[in-house]
PDB file of N, CA and C in Angstrom:
ATOM      1  N   MET A   1    -152.047 -81.214 171.969  1.00  0.00           N
ATOM      2  CA  MET A   1    -152.501 -80.734 173.084  1.00  0.00           C
ATOM      3  C   MET A   1    -153.633 -79.598 173.027  1.00  0.00           C
ATOM      4  N   ARG A   2    -153.912 -78.786 171.877  1.00  0.00           N
ATOM      5  CA  ARG A   2    -154.779 -78.101 171.496  1.00  0.00           C
ATOM      6  C   ARG A   2    -156.216 -79.105 171.168  1.00  0.00           C
ATOM      7  N   MET A   3    -155.769 -80.369 170.590  1.00  0.00           N
ATOM      8  CA  MET A   3    -156.567 -81.131 169.920  1.00  0.00           C
ATOM      9  C   MET A   3    -157.350 -82.360 170.891  1.00  0.00           C
ATOM     10  N   LEU A   4    -156.746 -82.534 172.194  1.00  0.00           N
ATOM     11  CA  LEU A   4    -157.257 -82.950 173.120  1.00  0.00           C
ATOM     12  C   LEU A   4    -158.063 -81.922 173.435  1.00  0.00           C
ATOM     13  N   LEU A   5    -157.952 -80.999 174.141  1.00  0.00           N
ATOM     14  CA  LEU A   5    -158.839 -80.093 174.874  1.00  0.00           C
ATOM     15  C   LEU A   5    -159.597 -79.633 173.723  1.00  0.00           C
ATOM     16  N   GLY A   6    -160.003 -79.880 172.820  1.00  0.00           N
ATOM     17  CA  GLY A   6    -161.153 -79.200 171.917  1.00  0.00           C
ATOM     18  C   GLY A   6    -162.003 -80.765 172.118  1.00  0.00           C
ATOM     19  N   VAL A   7    -161.285 -81.936 171.877  1.00  0.00           N
ATOM     20  CA  VAL A   7    -162.187 -83.281 171.890  1.00  0.00           C
ATOM     21  C   VAL A   7    -162.711 -83.439 173.833  1.00  0.00           C
ATOM     22  N   SER A   8    -162.240 -82.722 174.194  1.00  0.00           N
ATOM     23  CA  SER A   8    -162.355 -82.815 176.294  1.00  0.00           C
ATOM     24  C   SER A   8    -163.932 -82.027 175.955  1.00  0.00           C
ATOM     25  N   ILE A   9    -163.728 -80.580 175.386  1.00  0.00           N
ATOM     26  CA  ILE A   9    -164.690 -79.746 175.464  1.00  0.00           C
ATOM     27  C   ILE A   9    -165.671 -80.657 174.999  1.00  0.00           C
ATOM     28  N   LEU A  10    -165.740 -80.986 173.738  1.00  0.00           N
ATOM     29  CA  LEU A  10    -166.882 -81.292 173.107  1.00  0.00           C
ATOM     30  C   LEU A  10    -168.008 -82.380 173.471  1.00  0.00           C
ATOM     31  N   VAL A  11    -166.616 -83.751 174.636  1.00  0.00           N
ATOM     32  CA  VAL A  11    -167.049 -84.781 175.132  1.00  0.00           C
ATOM     33  C   VAL A  11    -168.086 -83.611 176.860  1.00  0.00           C
ATOM     34  N   ALA A  12    -167.490 -82.953 177.453  1.00  0.00           N
ATOM     35  CA  ALA A  12    -167.869 -82.656 178.653  1.00  0.00           C
ATOM     36  C   ALA A  12    -169.307 -81.948 178.089  1.00  0.00           C
ATOM     37  N   VAL A  13    -169.441 -81.352 177.121  1.00  0.00           N
ATOM     38  CA  VAL A  13    -170.681 -80.667 176.357  1.00  0.00           C
ATOM     39  C   VAL A  13    -171.634 -81.384 176.397  1.00  0.00           C
ATOM     40  N   VAL A  14    -171.463 -82.306 175.505  1.00  0.00           N
ATOM     41  CA  VAL A  14    -172.520 -83.614 175.073  1.00  0.00           C
ATOM     42  C   VAL A  14    -173.098 -84.288 176.141  1.00  0.00           C
ATOM     43  N   ALA A  15    -171.925 -84.523 176.734  1.00  0.00           N
ATOM     44  CA  ALA A  15    -172.372 -85.449 178.273  1.00  0.00           C
ATOM     45  C   ALA A  15    -172.602 -84.037 179.127  1.00  0.00           C
ATOM     46  N   ALA A  16    -172.982 -83.121 179.032  1.00  0.00           N
ATOM     47  CA  ALA A  16    -173.916 -82.227 180.382  1.00  0.00           C
ATOM     48  C   ALA A  16    -175.094 -82.189 179.317  1.00  0.00           C
ATOM     49  N   ILE A  17    -175.279 -81.814 178.130  1.00  0.00           N
ATOM     50  CA  ILE A  17    -176.674 -81.934 177.514  1.00  0.00           C
ATOM     51  C   ILE A  17    -177.240 -83.407 177.626  1.00  0.00           C
ATOM     52  N   ASP A  18    -176.242 -84.618 178.035  1.00  0.00           N
ATOM     53  CA  ASP A  18    -177.385 -85.378 178.457  1.00  0.00           C
ATOM     54  C   ASP A  18    -178.148 -85.598 179.631  1.00  0.00           C
ATOM     55  N   ALA A  19    -176.642 -85.440 180.501  1.00  0.00           N
ATOM     56  CA  ALA A  19    -177.395 -84.805 182.059  1.00  0.00           C
ATOM     57  C   ALA A  19    -178.559 -84.379 182.215  1.00  0.00           C
ATOM     58  N   ALA A  20    -178.266 -83.039 182.191  1.00  0.00           N
ATOM     59  CA  ALA A  20    -179.322 -81.724 181.618  1.00  0.00           C
ATOM     60  C   ALA A  20    -180.592 -82.650 181.587  1.00  0.00           C
ATOM     61  N   ARG A  21    -180.447 -83.212 179.992  1.00  0.00           N
ATOM     62  CA  ARG A  21    -182.067 -84.285 179.648  1.00  0.00           C
ATOM     63  C   ARG A  21    -182.702 -85.278 180.615  1.00  0.00           C
ATOM     64  N   GLY A  22    -181.546 -86.012 180.916  1.00  0.00           N
ATOM     65  CA  GLY A  22    -181.921 -86.620 182.642  1.00  0.00           C
ATOM     66  C   GLY A  22    -181.941 -86.320 183.902  1.00  0.00           C
ATOM     67  N   ALA A  23    -182.110 -84.999 183.633  1.00  0.00           N
ATOM     68  CA  ALA A  23    -182.190 -84.123 184.957  1.00  0.00           C
ATOM     69  C   ALA A  23    -181.214 -84.875 186.335  1.00  0.00           C
ATOM     70  N   HIS A  24    -179.918 -84.890 185.805  1.00  0.00           N
ATOM     71  CA  HIS A  24    -178.936 -85.186 186.454  1.00  0.00           C
ATOM     72  C   HIS A  24    -178.086 -83.818 186.842  1.00  0.00           C
ATOM     73  N   TRP A  25    -178.760 -83.567 188.312  1.00  0.00           N
ATOM     74  CA  TRP A  25    -177.888 -82.397 187.898  1.00  0.00           C
ATOM     75  C   TRP A  25    -176.826 -82.161 188.395  1.00  0.00           C
ATOM     76  N   ASP A  26    -176.165 -83.045 189.270  1.00  0.00           N
ATOM     77  CA  ASP A  26    -174.809 -83.094 189.932  1.00  0.00           C
ATOM     78  C   ASP A  26    -174.087 -83.404 188.603  1.00  0.00           C
ATOM     79  N   GLN A  27    -174.093 -84.235 187.785  1.00  0.00           N
ATOM     80  CA  GLN A  27    -173.312 -84.059 186.988  1.00  0.00           C
ATOM     81  C   GLN A  27    -173.226 -83.363 185.891  1.00  0.00           C
ATOM     82  N   PHE A  28    -174.415 -82.563 185.684  1.00  0.00           N
ATOM     83  CA  PHE A  28    -174.842 -81.620 185.072  1.00  0.00           C
ATOM     84  C   PHE A  28    -173.599 -80.369 185.878  1.00  0.00           C
ATOM     85  N   ALA A  29    -173.743 -80.291 186.450  1.00  0.00           N
ATOM     86  CA  ALA A  29    -172.670 -79.266 187.304  1.00  0.00           C
ATOM     87  C   ALA A  29    -171.156 -79.679 187.144  1.00  0.00           C
ATOM     88  N   LEU A  30    -171.062 -81.018 187.007  1.00  0.00           N
ATOM     89  CA  LEU A  30    -169.647 -81.412 187.016  1.00  0.00           C
ATOM     90  C   LEU A  30    -168.954 -81.232 185.762  1.00  0.00           C
ATOM     91  N   LEU A  31    -169.506 -81.571 185.013  1.00  0.00           N
ATOM     92  CA  LEU A  31    -169.412 -81.599 183.377  1.00  0.00           C
ATOM     93  C   LEU A  31    -169.395 -79.946 182.773  1.00  0.00           C
ATOM     94  N   CYS A  32    -170.301 -79.278 183.358  1.00  0.00           N
ATOM     95  CA  CYS A  32    -170.041 -77.755 183.080  1.00  0.00           C
ATOM     96  C   CYS A  32    -169.014 -76.994 183.530  1.00  0.00           C
ATOM     97  N   VAL A  33    -168.398 -77.602 185.102  1.00  0.00           N
ATOM     98  CA  VAL A  33    -167.398 -77.364 185.556  1.00  0.00           C
ATOM     99  C   VAL A  33    -166.107 -77.918 184.729  1.00  0.00           C
ATOM    100  N   LEU A  34    -165.553 -78.968 184.209  1.00  0.00           N
ATOM    101  CA  LEU A  34    -165.316 -79.530 183.337  1.00  0.00           C
ATOM    102  C   LEU A  34    -164.807 -78.652 181.935  1.00  0.00           C
ATOM    103  N   GLY A  35    -165.990 -78.699 181.215  1.00  0.00           N
ATOM    104  CA  GLY A  35    -166.096 -77.915 180.188  1.00  0.00           C
ATOM    105  C   GLY A  35    -165.609 -76.464 180.269  1.00  0.00           C
ATOM    106  N   ALA A  36    -165.832 -75.645 181.592  1.00  0.00           N
ATOM    107  CA  ALA A  36    -165.406 -74.740 181.696  1.00  0.00           C
ATOM    108  C   ALA A  36    -163.599 -74.937 181.540  1.00  0.00           C
ATOM    109  N   LEU A  37    -163.042 -75.020 182.374  1.00  0.00           N
ATOM    110  CA  LEU A  37    -162.016 -75.320 182.899  1.00  0.00           C
ATOM    111  C   LEU A  37    -160.712 -76.107 181.563  1.00  0.00           C
ATOM    112  N   SER A  38    -161.793 -76.709 180.873  1.00  0.00           N
ATOM    113  CA  SER A  38    -160.730 -76.856 179.614  1.00  0.00           C
ATOM    114  C   SER A  38    -160.940 -75.775 178.671  1.00  0.00           C
ATOM    115  N   LEU A  39    -162.128 -75.123 178.708  1.00  0.00           N
ATOM    116  CA  LEU A  39    -162.297 -73.805 177.921  1.00  0.00           C
ATOM    117  C   LEU A  39    -161.087 -72.695 178.005  1.00  0.00           C
ATOM    118  N   ILE A  40    -160.923 -72.629 179.716  1.00  0.00           N
ATOM    119  CA  ILE A  40    -159.716 -71.583 180.046  1.00  0.00           C
ATOM    120  C   ILE A  40    -158.300 -72.279 179.940  1.00  0.00           C
ATOM    121  N   ALA A  41    -158.197 -73.858 179.750  1.00  0.00           N
ATOM    122  CA  ALA A  41    -157.210 -74.236 180.054  1.00  0.00           C
ATOM    123  C   ALA A  41    -156.435 -73.744 177.953  1.00  0.00           C
ATOM    124  N   LEU A  42    -158.005 -74.216 176.955  1.00  0.00           N
ATOM    125  CA  LEU A  42    -157.567 -74.005 175.861  1.00  0.00           C
ATOM    126  C   LEU A  42    -157.312 -72.373 175.319  1.00  0.00           C
ATOM    127  N   ILE A  43    -158.070 -71.465 175.729  1.00  0.00           N
ATOM    128  CA  ILE A  43    -157.945 -70.271 175.959  1.00  0.00           C
ATOM    129  C   ILE A  43    -156.161 -69.411 175.864  1.00  0.00           C
ATOM    130  N   THR A  44    -156.099 -70.276 177.110  1.00  0.00           N
ATOM    131  CA  THR A  44    -154.866 -69.709 177.569  1.00  0.00           C
ATOM    132  C   THR A  44    -153.742 -70.411 176.862  1.00  0.00           C
ATOM    133  N   LEU A  45    -153.373 -71.689 176.418  1.00  0.00           N
ATOM    134  CA  LEU A  45    -152.521 -72.600 175.216  1.00  0.00           C
ATOM    135  C   LEU A  45    -152.360 -71.738 174.000  1.00  0.00           C
ATOM    136  N   VAL A  46    -153.663 -71.311 173.777  1.00  0.00           N
ATOM    137  CA  VAL A  46    -153.624 -70.428 172.098  1.00  0.00           C
ATOM    138  C   VAL A  46    -153.148 -69.150 172.557  1.00  0.00           C
ATOM    139  N   GLY A  47    -153.450 -68.467 173.520  1.00  0.00           N
ATOM    140  CA  GLY A  47    -152.982 -67.036 173.713  1.00  0.00           C
ATOM    141  C   GLY A  47    -151.488 -67.400 173.901  1.00  0.00           C
ATOM    142  N   ALA A  48    -151.203 -68.349 174.284  1.00  0.00           N
ATOM    143  CA  ALA A  48    -150.028 -68.219 174.780  1.00  0.00           C
ATOM    144  C   ALA A  48    -148.623 -68.360 173.585  1.00  0.00           C
ATOM    145  N   GLY A  49    -149.073 -69.138 172.939  1.00  0.00           N
ATOM    146  CA  GLY A  49    -148.199 -69.874 171.812  1.00  0.00           C
ATOM    147  C   GLY A  49    -146.655 -69.837 172.211  1.00  0.00           C
ATOM    148  N   ARG A  50    -146.062 -69.417 171.147  1.00  0.00           N
ATOM    149  CA  ARG A  50    -144.902 -70.135 171.312  1.00  0.00           C
ATOM    150  C   ARG A  50    -143.691 -68.456 171.505  1.00  0.00           C
ATOM    151  N   SER A  51    -143.346 -68.729 172.622  1.00  0.00           N
ATOM    152  CA  SER A  51    -142.259 -66.828 172.742  1.00  0.00           C
ATOM    153  C   SER A  51    -140.874 -67.445 173.485  1.00  0.00           C
ATOM    154  N   VAL A  52    -139.768 -66.746 172.902  1.00  0.00           N
ATOM    155  CA  VAL A  52    -139.026 -66.581 173.509  1.00  0.00           C
ATOM    156  C   VAL A  52    -138.026 -65.411 173.599  1.00  0.00           C
ATOM    157  N   ARG A  53    -137.303 -65.925 175.186  1.00  0.00           N
ATOM    158  CA  ARG A  53    -136.872 -64.607 175.578  1.00  0.00           C
ATOM    159  C   ARG A  53    -135.796 -64.559 175.146  1.00  0.00           C
ATOM    160  N   PRO A  54    -135.499 -63.510 174.067  1.00  0.00           N
ATOM    161  CA  PRO A  54    -133.883 -62.992 173.299  1.00  0.00           C
ATOM    162  C   PRO A  54    -132.594 -62.518 174.520  1.00  0.00           C
ATOM    163  N   ARG A  55    -131.228 -62.770 174.318  1.00  0.00           N
ATOM    164  CA  ARG A  55    -130.760 -61.987 175.675  1.00  0.00           C
ATOM    165  C   ARG A  55    -130.615 -60.950 175.166  1.00  0.00           C
ATOM    166  N   PRO A  56    -130.151 -60.307 176.253  1.00  0.00           N
ATOM    167  CA  PRO A  56    -130.787 -58.726 176.302  1.00  0.00           C
ATOM    168  C   PRO A  56    -129.618 -57.804 175.328  1.00  0.00           C
ATOM    169  N   ASP A  57    -128.660 -58.093 175.202  1.00  0.00           N
ATOM    170  CA  ASP A  57    -127.726 -58.045 174.388  1.00  0.00           C
ATOM    171  C   ASP A  57    -127.948 -58.012 172.847  1.00  0.00           C
ATOM    172  N   LEU A  58    -129.176 -59.218 172.357  1.00  0.00           N
ATOM    173  CA  LEU A  58    -129.502 -59.105 171.579  1.00  0.00           C
ATOM    174  C   LEU A  58    -130.794 -58.384 170.872  1.00  0.00           C
ATOM    175  N   MET A  59    -131.519 -58.217 172.093  1.00  0.00           N
ATOM    176  CA  MET A  59    -133.026 -57.120 171.729  1.00  0.00           C
ATOM    177  C   MET A  59    -132.430 -55.739 172.018  1.00  0.00           C
ATOM    178  N   ASN A  60    -131.135 -55.572 172.520  1.00  0.00           N
ATOM    179  CA  ASN A  60    -130.468 -54.070 172.141  1.00  0.00           C
ATOM    180  C   ASN A  60    -130.184 -53.626 171.004  1.00  0.00           C
ATOM    181  N   TRP A  61    -129.882 -54.606 169.997  1.00  0.00           N
ATOM    182  CA  TRP A  61    -129.425 -54.763 168.768  1.00  0.00           C
ATOM    183  C   TRP A  61    -130.456 -54.733 167.687  1.00  0.00           C
ATOM    184  N   VAL A  62    -131.457 -54.891 167.921  1.00  0.00           N
ATOM    185  CA  VAL A  62    -132.495 -55.362 167.690  1.00  0.00           C
ATOM    186  C   VAL A  62    -133.369 -53.985 167.343  1.00  0.00           C
ATOM    187  N   GLU A  63    -133.589 -53.469 168.898  1.00  0.00           N
ATOM    188  CA  GLU A  63    -133.648 -51.908 168.722  1.00  0.00           C
ATOM    189  C   GLU A  63    -132.982 -51.152 168.301  1.00  0.00           C
ATOM    190  N   GLN A  64    -131.951 -51.196 167.882  1.00  0.00           N
ATOM    191  CA  GLN A  64    -130.855 -50.281 167.189  1.00  0.00           C
ATOM    192  C   GLN A  64    -131.228 -50.362 165.817  1.00  0.00           C
ATOM    193  N   GLN A  65    -130.946 -51.333 165.796  1.00  0.00           N
ATOM    194  CA  GLN A  65    -131.466 -51.631 164.168  1.00  0.00           C
ATOM    195  C   GLN A  65    -132.366 -51.702 163.529  1.00  0.00           C
ATOM    196  N   SER A  66    -133.755 -51.607 164.572  1.00  0.00           N
ATOM    197  CA  SER A  66    -134.994 -50.920 164.165  1.00  0.00           C
ATOM    198  C   SER A  66    -135.210 -48.903 164.209  1.00  0.00           C
ATOM    199  N   ALA A  67    -134.327 -48.716 164.857  1.00  0.00           N
ATOM    200  CA  ALA A  67    -134.213 -47.318 164.495  1.00  0.00           C
ATOM    201  C   ALA A  67    -133.745 -46.807 163.563  1.00  0.00           C
ATOM    202  N   VAL A  68    -132.380 -47.498 163.140  1.00  0.00           N
ATOM    203  CA  VAL A  68    -131.804 -46.842 162.139  1.00  0.00           C
ATOM    204  C   VAL A  68    -132.175 -47.707 160.828  1.00  0.00           C
ATOM    205  N   THR A  69    -133.202 -48.518 160.694  1.00  0.00           N
ATOM    206  CA  THR A  69    -133.812 -48.977 159.459  1.00  0.00           C
ATOM    207  C   THR A  69    -135.291 -48.752 159.370  1.00  0.00           C
ATOM    208  N   ASP A  70    -135.656 -47.732 160.820  1.00  0.00           N
ATOM    209  CA  ASP A  70    -137.216 -46.943 160.685  1.00  0.00           C
ATOM    210  C   ASP A  70    -138.141 -48.141 160.620  1.00  0.00           C
ATOM    211  N   ASP A  71    -137.942 -49.301 161.217  1.00  0.00           N
ATOM    212  CA  ASP A  71    -138.572 -50.579 160.762  1.00  0.00           C
ATOM    213  C   ASP A  71    -139.040 -51.254 162.324  1.00  0.00           C
ATOM    214  N   ASP A  72    -140.406 -52.089 162.066  1.00  0.00           N
ATOM    215  CA  ASP A  72    -140.657 -52.821 163.068  1.00  0.00           C
ATOM    216  C   ASP A  72    -139.783 -53.866 163.802  1.00  0.00           C
ATOM    217  N   PRO A  73    -139.797 -53.913 165.166  1.00  0.00           N
ATOM    218  CA  PRO A  73    -138.337 -54.342 165.627  1.00  0.00           C
ATOM    219  C   PRO A  73    -138.839 -56.204 165.543  1.00  0.00           C
ATOM    220  N   ASN A  74    -139.911 -56.900 165.571  1.00  0.00           N
ATOM    221  CA  ASN A  74    -140.470 -57.996 164.502  1.00  0.00           C
ATOM    222  C   ASN A  74    -139.893 -58.446 163.211  1.00  0.00           C
ATOM    223  N   ARG A  75    -140.244 -57.424 162.270  1.00  0.00           N
ATOM    224  CA  ARG A  75    -139.119 -57.572 160.846  1.00  0.00           C
ATOM    225  C   ARG A  75    -137.958 -57.567 160.994  1.00  0.00           C
ATOM    226  N   VAL A  76    -137.290 -57.134 161.636  1.00  0.00           N
ATOM    227  CA  VAL A  76    -136.071 -56.827 162.107  1.00  0.00           C
ATOM    228  C   VAL A  76    -135.437 -57.978 162.738  1.00  0.00           C
ATOM    229  N   VAL A  77    -135.911 -58.534 163.267  1.00  0.00           N
ATOM    230  CA  VAL A  77    -135.654 -59.816 163.912  1.00  0.00           C
ATOM    231  C   VAL A  77    -135.888 -61.162 162.919  1.00  0.00           C
ATOM    232  N   ASP A  78    -137.344 -61.279 161.975  1.00  0.00           N
ATOM    233  CA  ASP A  78    -138.088 -62.261 160.377  1.00  0.00           C
ATOM    234  C   ASP A  78    -136.758 -62.363 160.029  1.00  0.00           C
ATOM    235  N   ARG A  79    -135.700 -60.800 159.460  1.00  0.00           N
ATOM    236  CA  ARG A  79    -134.685 -60.888 158.073  1.00  0.00           C
ATOM    237  C   ARG A  79    -133.793 -61.215 159.115  1.00  0.00           C
ATOM    238  N   ALA A  80    -132.770 -61.137 160.192  1.00  0.00           N
ATOM    239  CA  ALA A  80    -131.978 -61.990 161.170  1.00  0.00           C
ATOM    240  C   ALA A  80    -131.824 -63.200 160.870  1.00  0.00           C
ATOM    241  N   LEU A  81    -132.924 -63.851 161.357  1.00  0.00           N
ATOM    242  CA  LEU A  81    -133.320 -65.295 161.102  1.00  0.00           C
ATOM    243  C   LEU A  81    -133.552 -65.888 159.988  1.00  0.00           C
ATOM    244  N   ALA A  82    -133.657 -64.985 158.938  1.00  0.00           N
ATOM    245  CA  ALA A  82    -134.413 -65.609 157.610  1.00  0.00           C
ATOM    246  C   ALA A  82    -132.509 -65.581 157.166  1.00  0.00           C
ATOM    247  N   ALA A  83    -131.524 -64.245 157.552  1.00  0.00           N
ATOM    248  CA  ALA A  83    -130.216 -64.155 156.753  1.00  0.00           C
ATOM    249  C   ALA A  83    -129.378 -65.774 157.358  1.00  0.00           C
ATOM    250  N   TYR A  84    -129.745 -66.214 158.624  1.00  0.00           N
ATOM    251  CA  TYR A  84    -128.691 -67.323 159.623  1.00  0.00           C
ATOM    252  C   TYR A  84    -129.329 -68.397 158.928  1.00  0.00           C
ATOM    253  N   ARG A  85    -130.967 -68.228 159.115  1.00  0.00           N
ATOM    254  CA  ARG A  85    -130.735 -69.636 158.160  1.00  0.00           C
ATOM    255  C   ARG A  85    -130.767 -70.109 156.965  1.00  0.00           C
ATOM    256  N   ALA A  86    -130.532 -68.839 156.243  1.00  0.00           N
ATOM    257  CA  ALA A  86    -129.741 -68.879 154.780  1.00  0.00           C
ATOM    258  C   ALA A  86    -128.623 -69.244 154.449  1.00  0.00           C
ATOM    259  N   GLN A  87    -127.531 -68.758 155.950  1.00  0.00           N
ATOM    260  CA  GLN A  87    -126.515 -69.150 155.897  1.00  0.00           C
ATOM    261  C   GLN A  87    -125.787 -70.767 156.378  1.00  0.00           C
ATOM    262  N   MET A  88    -127.161 -70.893 157.199  1.00  0.00           N
ATOM    263  CA  MET A  88    -127.259 -72.891 157.826  1.00  0.00           C
ATOM    264  C   MET A  88    -127.033 -73.680 156.782  1.00  0.00           C
ATOM    265  N   LEU A  89    -128.147 -73.428 155.921  1.00  0.00           N
ATOM    266  CA  LEU A  89    -129.326 -74.180 154.782  1.00  0.00           C
ATOM    267  C   LEU A  89    -129.083 -73.451 153.144  1.00  0.00           C
ATOM    268  N   PRO A  90    -127.611 -73.293 152.816  1.00  0.00           N
ATOM    269  CA  PRO A  90    -127.278 -73.009 151.693  1.00  0.00           C
ATOM    270  C   PRO A  90    -128.102 -73.494 150.412  1.00  0.00           C
ATOM    271  N   ASP A  91    -128.326 -74.812 150.602  1.00  0.00           N
ATOM    272  CA  ASP A  91    -129.059 -75.559 149.624  1.00  0.00           C
ATOM    273  C   ASP A  91    -130.557 -75.431 149.456  1.00  0.00           C
ATOM    274  N   ALA A  92    -130.776 -75.287 150.862  1.00  0.00           N
ATOM    275  CA  ALA A  92    -132.686 -75.346 151.601  1.00  0.00           C
ATOM    276  C   ALA A  92    -133.465 -74.394 150.207  1.00  0.00           C
ATOM    277  N   GLU A  93    -134.178 -74.899 149.220  1.00  0.00           N
ATOM    278  CA  GLU A  93    -134.956 -73.933 148.523  1.00  0.00           C
ATOM    279  C   GLU A  93    -136.638 -73.604 149.470  1.00  0.00           C
ATOM    280  N   ASP A  94    -136.917 -72.278 149.590  1.00  0.00           N
ATOM    281  CA  ASP A  94    -138.326 -72.324 150.106  1.00  0.00           C
ATOM    282  C   ASP A  94    -138.439 -73.136 151.712  1.00  0.00           C
ATOM    283  N   GLY A  95    -137.289 -73.207 152.300  1.00  0.00           N
ATOM    284  CA  GLY A  95    -137.821 -73.879 153.832  1.00  0.00           C
ATOM    285  C   GLY A  95    -137.751 -75.691 153.604  1.00  0.00           C
ATOM    286  N   ARG A  96    -137.131 -75.913 152.260  1.00  0.00           N
ATOM    287  CA  ARG A  96    -137.142 -77.391 152.485  1.00  0.00           C
ATOM    288  C   ARG A  96    -136.090 -77.993 151.880  1.00  0.00           C
ATOM    289  N   VAL A  97    -135.347 -79.339 152.726  1.00  0.00           N
ATOM    290  CA  VAL A  97    -133.501 -79.333 152.053  1.00  0.00           C
ATOM    291  C   VAL A  97    -134.055 -80.891 151.528  1.00  0.00           C
ATOM    292  N   GLY A  98    -133.250 -80.403 150.432  1.00  0.00           N
ATOM    293  CA  GLY A  98    -133.705 -81.699 149.442  1.00  0.00           C
ATOM    294  C   GLY A  98    -132.397 -82.465 149.435  1.00  0.00           C
ATOM    295  N   PRO A  99    -132.516 -83.623 148.918  1.00  0.00           N
ATOM    296  CA  PRO A  99    -131.650 -84.456 149.344  1.00  0.00           C
ATOM    297  C   PRO A  99    -130.186 -84.503 148.277  1.00  0.00           C
TER     298      PRO A  99
END
C-alpha cells in the first residue's frame, strides 16, 4: 500500500509540473490536491503502523511485571512473546523454521 501511494504521489507531482508548464491551471490544481491527499494518506498509513489491543488482564500482567522488574512494558511484552514463540517453535533458529 505504501508503494502504491508513493508511486501515485510521484505521478501526481510529475503531472502537476507538466500541467504547470503547459499553463493548464485546472489540471495543476487537481493534481496538487491529489498529491496532497495521497501524501496525507501515506503519512497516516506509516504513522499508524500495526497496533494490537491486548486484553485488559494481559495489560494488567504486563504492568505488574514491569513494576516488579523495573523494566519498560514494551520489553516485558517482547520477552514474553519471544518465550512463547520459543515454546511454539522449539526447532526454530533465529526465526527460521528448518525442513
